[in-house]
Amino acid sequence: MSNTTRKTQVSDNTKTQQLTTESLKIQQLFKLMTDNGGSDLHLTPGTSPAMRVNGEVVRVKVPALNPTTSKELIYQVLTEEQKNEFEKNLDLDFSFGIKGLARFRGNVFYSKGGVAAVFRLIPSIIPDFKSLNLPNVLMEMSDVSTV
């Protein structure tokens, strides 16, 4: 199966809402991402918002963001201090939470003539060693009680 076919299937199976760029709020995109098991949200001028779901990039079915819309969406989660820092350094790394939804790490930067960002979901439950399916030798290497 080609990547294009897989992306279409993932896109067709995601939970969707009626979204337009004029009424779009970034919290809607974070909710859509978490509802669909996404790990990352990408906002870039000139393209529709994208989510990484099960390793595949899935575009949200809205028109491409223009530079103004992209900046407005991203600035919705920044404090005044963070906005000032970003405008001074042209790059910003930060984390934040949305009550009742999740915590996220964010990186804001300039791309394609406008403000862009990538947000990563921070899992609320840290997986234990067994659920990660790592080789036992790693557990043995990290077990300091045997030294």
N, C-alpha and C. Protein backbone atom coordinates (compact mmCIF):
# COMPACT_ATOMS: atom_id res chain seq x y z
N MET A 1 0.85 -1.17 0.00
CA MET A 1 0.00 0.00 0.00
C MET A 1 0.90 1.23 0.00
N SER A 2 0.61 2.18 -0.83
CA SER A 2 1.45 3.38 -0.93
C SER A 2 1.18 4.32 0.24
N ASN A 3 2.13 5.24 0.49
CA ASN A 3 1.96 6.23 1.54
C ASN A 3 0.72 7.08 1.30
N THR A 4 0.48 7.44 0.03
CA THR A 4 -0.68 8.26 -0.29
C THR A 4 -1.96 7.55 0.09
N THR A 5 -2.05 6.27 -0.22
CA THR A 5 -3.24 5.50 0.11
C THR A 5 -3.41 5.42 1.62
N ARG A 6 -2.33 5.13 2.35
CA ARG A 6 -2.42 5.04 3.81
C ARG A 6 -2.85 6.36 4.42
N LYS A 7 -2.32 7.46 3.91
CA LYS A 7 -2.69 8.77 4.44
C LYS A 7 -4.17 9.04 4.24
N THR A 8 -4.68 8.67 3.07
CA THR A 8 -6.10 8.87 2.80
C THR A 8 -6.94 8.05 3.76
N GLN A 9 -6.55 6.80 4.01
CA GLN A 9 -7.32 5.97 4.92
C GLN A 9 -7.30 6.52 6.33
N VAL A 10 -6.13 6.96 6.80
CA VAL A 10 -6.04 7.53 8.14
C VAL A 10 -6.93 8.77 8.20
N SER A 11 -6.85 9.61 7.16
CA SER A 11 -7.64 10.84 7.13
C SER A 11 -9.13 10.53 7.16
N ASP A 12 -9.56 9.53 6.43
CA ASP A 12 -10.98 9.18 6.39
C ASP A 12 -11.47 8.60 7.71
N ASN A 13 -10.57 7.99 8.49
CA ASN A 13 -10.97 7.37 9.75
C ASN A 13 -10.88 8.29 10.95
N THR A 14 -10.34 9.50 10.79
CA THR A 14 -10.21 10.40 11.93
C THR A 14 -11.55 11.05 12.24
N LYS A 15 -11.71 11.40 13.51
CA LYS A 15 -12.90 12.12 13.92
C LYS A 15 -12.78 13.53 13.39
N THR A 16 -13.80 14.03 12.73
CA THR A 16 -13.71 15.36 12.14
C THR A 16 -14.79 16.27 12.70
N GLN A 17 -14.53 17.55 12.61
CA GLN A 17 -15.48 18.57 12.96
C GLN A 17 -15.52 19.54 11.79
N GLN A 18 -16.58 20.36 11.71
CA GLN A 18 -16.62 21.38 10.69
C GLN A 18 -15.77 22.54 11.17
N LEU A 19 -14.64 22.76 10.55
CA LEU A 19 -13.73 23.84 10.93
C LEU A 19 -13.49 24.73 9.72
N THR A 20 -13.40 26.02 9.96
CA THR A 20 -13.00 26.97 8.92
C THR A 20 -11.86 27.79 9.48
N THR A 21 -11.02 28.33 8.62
CA THR A 21 -9.88 29.10 9.12
C THR A 21 -10.33 30.37 9.81
N GLU A 22 -11.49 30.94 9.44
CA GLU A 22 -11.96 32.17 10.05
C GLU A 22 -12.37 31.95 11.52
N SER A 23 -12.97 30.82 11.82
CA SER A 23 -13.47 30.57 13.18
C SER A 23 -12.55 29.63 13.97
N LEU A 24 -11.47 29.23 13.38
CA LEU A 24 -10.59 28.22 13.97
C LEU A 24 -9.90 28.72 15.24
N LYS A 25 -9.94 27.91 16.29
CA LYS A 25 -9.23 28.17 17.54
C LYS A 25 -8.23 27.04 17.72
N ILE A 26 -7.06 27.38 18.25
CA ILE A 26 -6.02 26.36 18.38
C ILE A 26 -6.46 25.25 19.33
N GLN A 27 -7.28 25.57 20.33
CA GLN A 27 -7.76 24.53 21.24
C GLN A 27 -8.58 23.48 20.50
N GLN A 28 -9.28 23.88 19.45
CA GLN A 28 -10.03 22.91 18.63
C GLN A 28 -9.07 21.93 17.95
N LEU A 29 -7.94 22.46 17.49
CA LEU A 29 -6.95 21.60 16.83
C LEU A 29 -6.30 20.64 17.83
N PHE A 30 -5.99 21.12 19.03
CA PHE A 30 -5.43 20.24 20.06
C PHE A 30 -6.43 19.15 20.44
N LYS A 31 -7.69 19.50 20.56
CA LYS A 31 -8.73 18.51 20.90
C LYS A 31 -8.87 17.50 19.78
N LEU A 32 -8.89 17.97 18.54
CA LEU A 32 -8.98 17.07 17.38
C LEU A 32 -7.79 16.12 17.36
N MET A 33 -6.60 16.64 17.65
CA MET A 33 -5.40 15.81 17.67
C MET A 33 -5.49 14.75 18.75
N THR A 34 -5.85 15.14 19.98
CA THR A 34 -5.90 14.16 21.07
C THR A 34 -7.03 13.16 20.86
N ASP A 35 -8.17 13.59 20.34
CA ASP A 35 -9.29 12.68 20.07
C ASP A 35 -8.92 11.61 19.05
N ASN A 36 -7.99 11.94 18.15
CA ASN A 36 -7.59 11.01 17.10
C ASN A 36 -6.29 10.28 17.40
N GLY A 37 -5.79 10.41 18.62
CA GLY A 37 -4.57 9.72 19.00
C GLY A 37 -3.32 10.31 18.38
N GLY A 38 -3.36 11.59 18.05
CA GLY A 38 -2.22 12.25 17.43
C GLY A 38 -1.12 12.56 18.43
N SER A 39 0.09 12.70 17.93
CA SER A 39 1.23 13.01 18.79
C SER A 39 1.77 14.41 18.53
N ASP A 40 1.56 14.94 17.34
CA ASP A 40 2.12 16.24 16.97
C ASP A 40 1.10 17.05 16.17
N LEU A 41 1.20 18.37 16.32
CA LEU A 41 0.41 19.29 15.53
C LEU A 41 1.37 20.25 14.85
N HIS A 42 1.26 20.40 13.53
CA HIS A 42 2.13 21.26 12.74
C HIS A 42 1.30 22.39 12.14
N LEU A 43 1.72 23.64 12.40
CA LEU A 43 1.06 24.81 11.83
C LEU A 43 2.10 25.59 11.04
N THR A 44 1.85 25.74 9.73
CA THR A 44 2.79 26.43 8.84
C THR A 44 2.01 27.25 7.83
N PRO A 45 2.40 28.51 7.63
CA PRO A 45 1.71 29.31 6.60
C PRO A 45 1.81 28.62 5.23
N GLY A 46 0.73 28.69 4.48
CA GLY A 46 0.71 28.11 3.14
C GLY A 46 0.23 26.67 3.09
N THR A 47 -0.02 26.06 4.26
CA THR A 47 -0.52 24.68 4.28
C THR A 47 -1.64 24.57 5.32
N SER A 48 -2.44 23.55 5.18
CA SER A 48 -3.46 23.25 6.19
C SER A 48 -2.77 22.71 7.42
N PRO A 49 -3.36 22.91 8.61
CA PRO A 49 -2.78 22.30 9.81
C PRO A 49 -2.65 20.79 9.60
N ALA A 50 -1.60 20.21 10.20
CA ALA A 50 -1.36 18.79 10.05
C ALA A 50 -1.14 18.16 11.42
N MET A 51 -1.56 16.92 11.55
CA MET A 51 -1.36 16.14 12.76
C MET A 51 -0.60 14.87 12.40
N ARG A 52 0.22 14.40 13.31
CA ARG A 52 0.85 13.10 13.13
C ARG A 52 0.01 12.10 13.93
N VAL A 53 -0.59 11.15 13.21
CA VAL A 53 -1.44 10.13 13.81
C VAL A 53 -0.90 8.77 13.38
N ASN A 54 -0.52 7.94 14.35
CA ASN A 54 0.04 6.61 14.05
C ASN A 54 1.21 6.71 13.06
N GLY A 55 2.03 7.73 13.21
CA GLY A 55 3.21 7.88 12.37
C GLY A 55 2.95 8.52 11.01
N GLU A 56 1.71 8.76 10.67
CA GLU A 56 1.37 9.35 9.37
C GLU A 56 0.93 10.80 9.55
N VAL A 57 1.33 11.66 8.63
CA VAL A 57 0.90 13.05 8.66
C VAL A 57 -0.47 13.15 8.01
N VAL A 58 -1.41 13.72 8.76
CA VAL A 58 -2.80 13.85 8.30
C VAL A 58 -3.16 15.33 8.30
N ARG A 59 -3.63 15.83 7.19
CA ARG A 59 -4.02 17.24 7.07
C ARG A 59 -5.45 17.42 7.60
N VAL A 60 -5.66 18.51 8.34
CA VAL A 60 -7.00 18.87 8.78
C VAL A 60 -7.72 19.45 7.57
N LYS A 61 -8.98 19.10 7.42
CA LYS A 61 -9.73 19.52 6.23
C LYS A 61 -10.22 20.96 6.36
N VAL A 62 -9.26 21.89 6.30
CA VAL A 62 -9.53 23.33 6.26
C VAL A 62 -8.60 23.92 5.21
N PRO A 63 -8.92 25.10 4.72
CA PRO A 63 -8.01 25.73 3.75
C PRO A 63 -6.64 25.99 4.36
N ALA A 64 -5.66 26.20 3.51
CA ALA A 64 -4.30 26.50 3.96
C ALA A 64 -4.31 27.76 4.81
N LEU A 65 -3.45 27.77 5.82
CA LEU A 65 -3.32 28.94 6.69
C LEU A 65 -2.53 30.03 5.97
N ASN A 66 -3.00 31.26 6.06
CA ASN A 66 -2.18 32.36 5.56
C ASN A 66 -1.29 32.81 6.71
N PRO A 67 -0.28 33.64 6.46
CA PRO A 67 0.63 34.04 7.54
C PRO A 67 -0.07 34.69 8.73
N THR A 68 -1.10 35.49 8.49
CA THR A 68 -1.83 36.14 9.58
C THR A 68 -2.57 35.13 10.43
N THR A 69 -3.28 34.20 9.81
CA THR A 69 -4.04 33.18 10.54
C THR A 69 -3.11 32.27 11.33
N SER A 70 -2.00 31.89 10.73
CA SER A 70 -1.03 31.03 11.40
C SER A 70 -0.52 31.71 12.68
N LYS A 71 -0.13 32.97 12.56
CA LYS A 71 0.37 33.71 13.72
C LYS A 71 -0.71 33.86 14.79
N GLU A 72 -1.93 34.19 14.38
CA GLU A 72 -3.03 34.36 15.35
C GLU A 72 -3.29 33.06 16.11
N LEU A 73 -3.30 31.94 15.40
CA LEU A 73 -3.53 30.64 16.06
C LEU A 73 -2.44 30.36 17.09
N ILE A 74 -1.20 30.53 16.68
CA ILE A 74 -0.06 30.20 17.55
C ILE A 74 -0.01 31.13 18.75
N TYR A 75 -0.27 32.42 18.52
CA TYR A 75 -0.22 33.39 19.61
C TYR A 75 -1.32 33.17 20.65
N GLN A 76 -2.33 32.37 20.34
CA GLN A 76 -3.40 32.07 21.30
C GLN A 76 -2.87 31.34 22.53
N VAL A 77 -1.75 30.63 22.42
CA VAL A 77 -1.22 29.87 23.55
C VAL A 77 0.02 30.52 24.18
N LEU A 78 0.43 31.67 23.66
CA LEU A 78 1.63 32.33 24.19
C LEU A 78 1.25 33.44 25.17
N THR A 79 2.07 33.60 26.22
CA THR A 79 1.92 34.74 27.11
C THR A 79 2.56 35.95 26.43
N GLU A 80 2.32 37.14 26.96
CA GLU A 80 2.94 38.34 26.41
C GLU A 80 4.46 38.23 26.48
N GLU A 81 4.96 37.70 27.57
CA GLU A 81 6.42 37.51 27.73
C GLU A 81 6.97 36.57 26.66
N GLN A 82 6.25 35.48 26.39
CA GLN A 82 6.70 34.53 25.36
C GLN A 82 6.64 35.16 23.97
N LYS A 83 5.61 35.94 23.69
CA LYS A 83 5.52 36.63 22.40
C LYS A 83 6.71 37.56 22.21
N ASN A 84 7.05 38.32 23.26
CA ASN A 84 8.19 39.24 23.19
C ASN A 84 9.49 38.49 22.97
N GLU A 85 9.67 37.38 23.70
CA GLU A 85 10.88 36.57 23.55
C GLU A 85 10.99 36.00 22.13
N PHE A 86 9.87 35.50 21.60
CA PHE A 86 9.88 34.96 20.24
C PHE A 86 10.23 36.05 19.23
N GLU A 87 9.63 37.22 19.36
CA GLU A 87 9.88 38.29 18.39
C GLU A 87 11.31 38.82 18.49
N LYS A 88 11.92 38.68 19.65
CA LYS A 88 13.32 39.09 19.82
C LYS A 88 14.28 38.04 19.25
N ASN A 89 14.03 36.74 19.57
CA ASN A 89 14.96 35.67 19.21
C ASN A 89 14.57 34.90 17.95
N LEU A 90 13.35 35.11 17.45
CA LEU A 90 12.82 34.44 16.25
C LEU A 90 12.69 32.92 16.42
N ASP A 91 12.68 32.46 17.67
CA ASP A 91 12.51 31.05 17.98
C ASP A 91 12.09 30.96 19.44
N LEU A 92 11.24 30.00 19.76
CA LEU A 92 10.79 29.86 21.14
C LEU A 92 10.46 28.40 21.43
N ASP A 93 11.00 27.88 22.52
CA ASP A 93 10.65 26.56 23.03
C ASP A 93 9.94 26.76 24.36
N PHE A 94 8.83 26.07 24.57
CA PHE A 94 8.06 26.25 25.79
C PHE A 94 7.14 25.05 25.99
N SER A 95 6.49 25.01 27.15
CA SER A 95 5.48 23.98 27.40
C SER A 95 4.28 24.65 28.05
N PHE A 96 3.14 24.01 27.94
CA PHE A 96 1.90 24.56 28.49
C PHE A 96 0.88 23.44 28.60
N GLY A 97 -0.18 23.72 29.32
CA GLY A 97 -1.25 22.75 29.46
C GLY A 97 -2.59 23.38 29.15
N ILE A 98 -3.51 22.56 28.71
CA ILE A 98 -4.89 22.99 28.51
C ILE A 98 -5.73 22.18 29.49
N LYS A 99 -6.32 22.87 30.44
CA LYS A 99 -7.07 22.20 31.50
C LYS A 99 -8.11 21.25 30.93
N GLY A 100 -8.10 20.03 31.45
CA GLY A 100 -9.05 19.02 31.02
C GLY A 100 -8.69 18.33 29.71
N LEU A 101 -7.55 18.70 29.11
CA LEU A 101 -7.17 18.08 27.84
C LEU A 101 -5.81 17.40 27.93
N ALA A 102 -4.73 18.17 28.01
CA ALA A 102 -3.39 17.58 28.01
C ALA A 102 -2.34 18.67 28.20
N ARG A 103 -1.08 18.22 28.29
CA ARG A 103 0.07 19.12 28.30
C ARG A 103 0.79 18.96 26.96
N PHE A 104 1.47 20.04 26.55
CA PHE A 104 2.14 20.07 25.25
C PHE A 104 3.48 20.77 25.37
N ARG A 105 4.41 20.37 24.50
CA ARG A 105 5.66 21.10 24.28
C ARG A 105 5.49 21.81 22.95
N GLY A 106 6.00 23.02 22.86
CA GLY A 106 5.88 23.76 21.62
C GLY A 106 7.18 24.36 21.17
N ASN A 107 7.35 24.47 19.85
CA ASN A 107 8.47 25.19 19.26
C ASN A 107 7.88 26.11 18.21
N VAL A 108 8.12 27.41 18.38
CA VAL A 108 7.62 28.42 17.44
C VAL A 108 8.83 28.97 16.69
N PHE A 109 8.66 29.17 15.39
CA PHE A 109 9.77 29.60 14.53
C PHE A 109 9.19 30.27 13.29
N TYR A 110 10.06 30.85 12.47
CA TYR A 110 9.63 31.44 11.21
C TYR A 110 9.83 30.43 10.08
N SER A 111 8.82 30.32 9.22
CA SER A 111 8.90 29.43 8.06
C SER A 111 7.96 29.95 6.98
N LYS A 112 8.38 29.88 5.76
CA LYS A 112 7.56 30.28 4.62
C LYS A 112 6.99 31.69 4.79
N GLY A 113 7.81 32.59 5.31
CA GLY A 113 7.40 33.99 5.43
C GLY A 113 6.43 34.29 6.55
N GLY A 114 6.31 33.41 7.53
CA GLY A 114 5.39 33.66 8.63
C GLY A 114 5.73 32.85 9.85
N VAL A 115 4.90 32.97 10.86
CA VAL A 115 5.09 32.26 12.12
C VAL A 115 4.56 30.84 11.97
N ALA A 116 5.38 29.88 12.36
CA ALA A 116 5.02 28.46 12.28
C ALA A 116 5.29 27.82 13.64
N ALA A 117 4.73 26.65 13.86
CA ALA A 117 4.96 25.96 15.14
C ALA A 117 4.72 24.48 15.01
N VAL A 118 5.38 23.75 15.92
CA VAL A 118 5.13 22.32 16.08
C VAL A 118 4.85 22.10 17.56
N PHE A 119 3.78 21.38 17.84
CA PHE A 119 3.40 21.06 19.21
C PHE A 119 3.40 19.56 19.39
N ARG A 120 3.97 19.10 20.48
CA ARG A 120 4.01 17.67 20.78
C ARG A 120 3.23 17.40 22.05
N LEU A 121 2.38 16.40 22.00
CA LEU A 121 1.61 15.96 23.16
C LEU A 121 2.56 15.34 24.18
N ILE A 122 2.45 15.76 25.43
CA ILE A 122 3.22 15.16 26.51
C ILE A 122 2.31 14.14 27.18
N PRO A 123 2.63 12.86 27.11
CA PRO A 123 1.75 11.85 27.70
C PRO A 123 1.60 12.06 29.20
N SER A 124 0.38 11.88 29.70
CA SER A 124 0.14 12.03 31.14
C SER A 124 0.51 10.77 31.89
N ILE A 125 0.55 9.65 31.19
CA ILE A 125 0.94 8.38 31.81
C ILE A 125 2.27 7.95 31.20
N ILE A 126 3.27 7.80 32.08
CA ILE A 126 4.59 7.38 31.61
C ILE A 126 4.59 5.85 31.53
N PRO A 127 4.89 5.29 30.35
CA PRO A 127 4.86 3.83 30.22
C PRO A 127 5.96 3.15 31.05
N ASP A 128 5.65 1.99 31.57
CA ASP A 128 6.66 1.25 32.31
C ASP A 128 7.57 0.49 31.32
N PHE A 129 8.65 -0.05 31.84
CA PHE A 129 9.65 -0.70 31.00
C PHE A 129 9.04 -1.83 30.17
N LYS A 130 8.20 -2.64 30.79
CA LYS A 130 7.63 -3.81 30.10
C LYS A 130 6.77 -3.40 28.91
N SER A 131 5.96 -2.34 29.07
CA SER A 131 5.07 -1.94 27.98
C SER A 131 5.83 -1.33 26.80
N LEU A 132 7.08 -0.92 27.00
CA LEU A 132 7.89 -0.37 25.90
C LEU A 132 8.49 -1.45 25.02
N ASN A 133 8.41 -2.73 25.48
CA ASN A 133 8.95 -3.86 24.72
C ASN A 133 10.43 -3.70 24.38
N LEU A 134 11.19 -3.19 25.36
CA LEU A 134 12.62 -3.02 25.17
C LEU A 134 13.35 -4.31 25.55
N PRO A 135 14.55 -4.53 25.02
CA PRO A 135 15.31 -5.74 25.36
C PRO A 135 15.64 -5.75 26.86
N ASN A 136 15.60 -6.92 27.47
CA ASN A 136 15.88 -7.07 28.90
C ASN A 136 17.27 -6.59 29.27
N VAL A 137 18.22 -6.65 28.34
CA VAL A 137 19.57 -6.21 28.63
C VAL A 137 19.59 -4.74 29.06
N LEU A 138 18.69 -3.94 28.54
CA LEU A 138 18.63 -2.53 28.95
C LEU A 138 18.19 -2.40 30.41
N MET A 139 17.28 -3.23 30.83
CA MET A 139 16.85 -3.22 32.22
C MET A 139 18.00 -3.65 33.12
N GLU A 140 18.73 -4.66 32.68
CA GLU A 140 19.86 -5.13 33.46
C GLU A 140 20.95 -4.05 33.56
N MET A 141 21.17 -3.35 32.47
CA MET A 141 22.18 -2.27 32.46
C MET A 141 21.80 -1.13 33.40
N SER A 142 20.51 -0.87 33.52
CA SER A 142 20.06 0.25 34.33
C SER A 142 19.78 -0.13 35.79
N ASP A 143 19.89 -1.40 36.12
CA ASP A 143 19.63 -1.87 37.49
C ASP A 143 20.88 -1.68 38.33
N VAL A 144 20.92 -0.62 39.11
CA VAL A 144 22.11 -0.33 39.91
C VAL A 144 22.20 -1.19 41.17
N SER A 145 21.12 -1.89 41.51
CA SER A 145 21.15 -2.71 42.72
C SER A 145 22.03 -3.95 42.58
N THR A 146 22.40 -4.32 41.35
CA THR A 146 23.24 -5.50 41.14
C THR A 146 24.73 -5.16 41.16
N VAL A 147 25.06 -3.91 41.31
CA VAL A 147 26.48 -3.49 41.30
C VAL A 147 27.11 -3.72 42.64
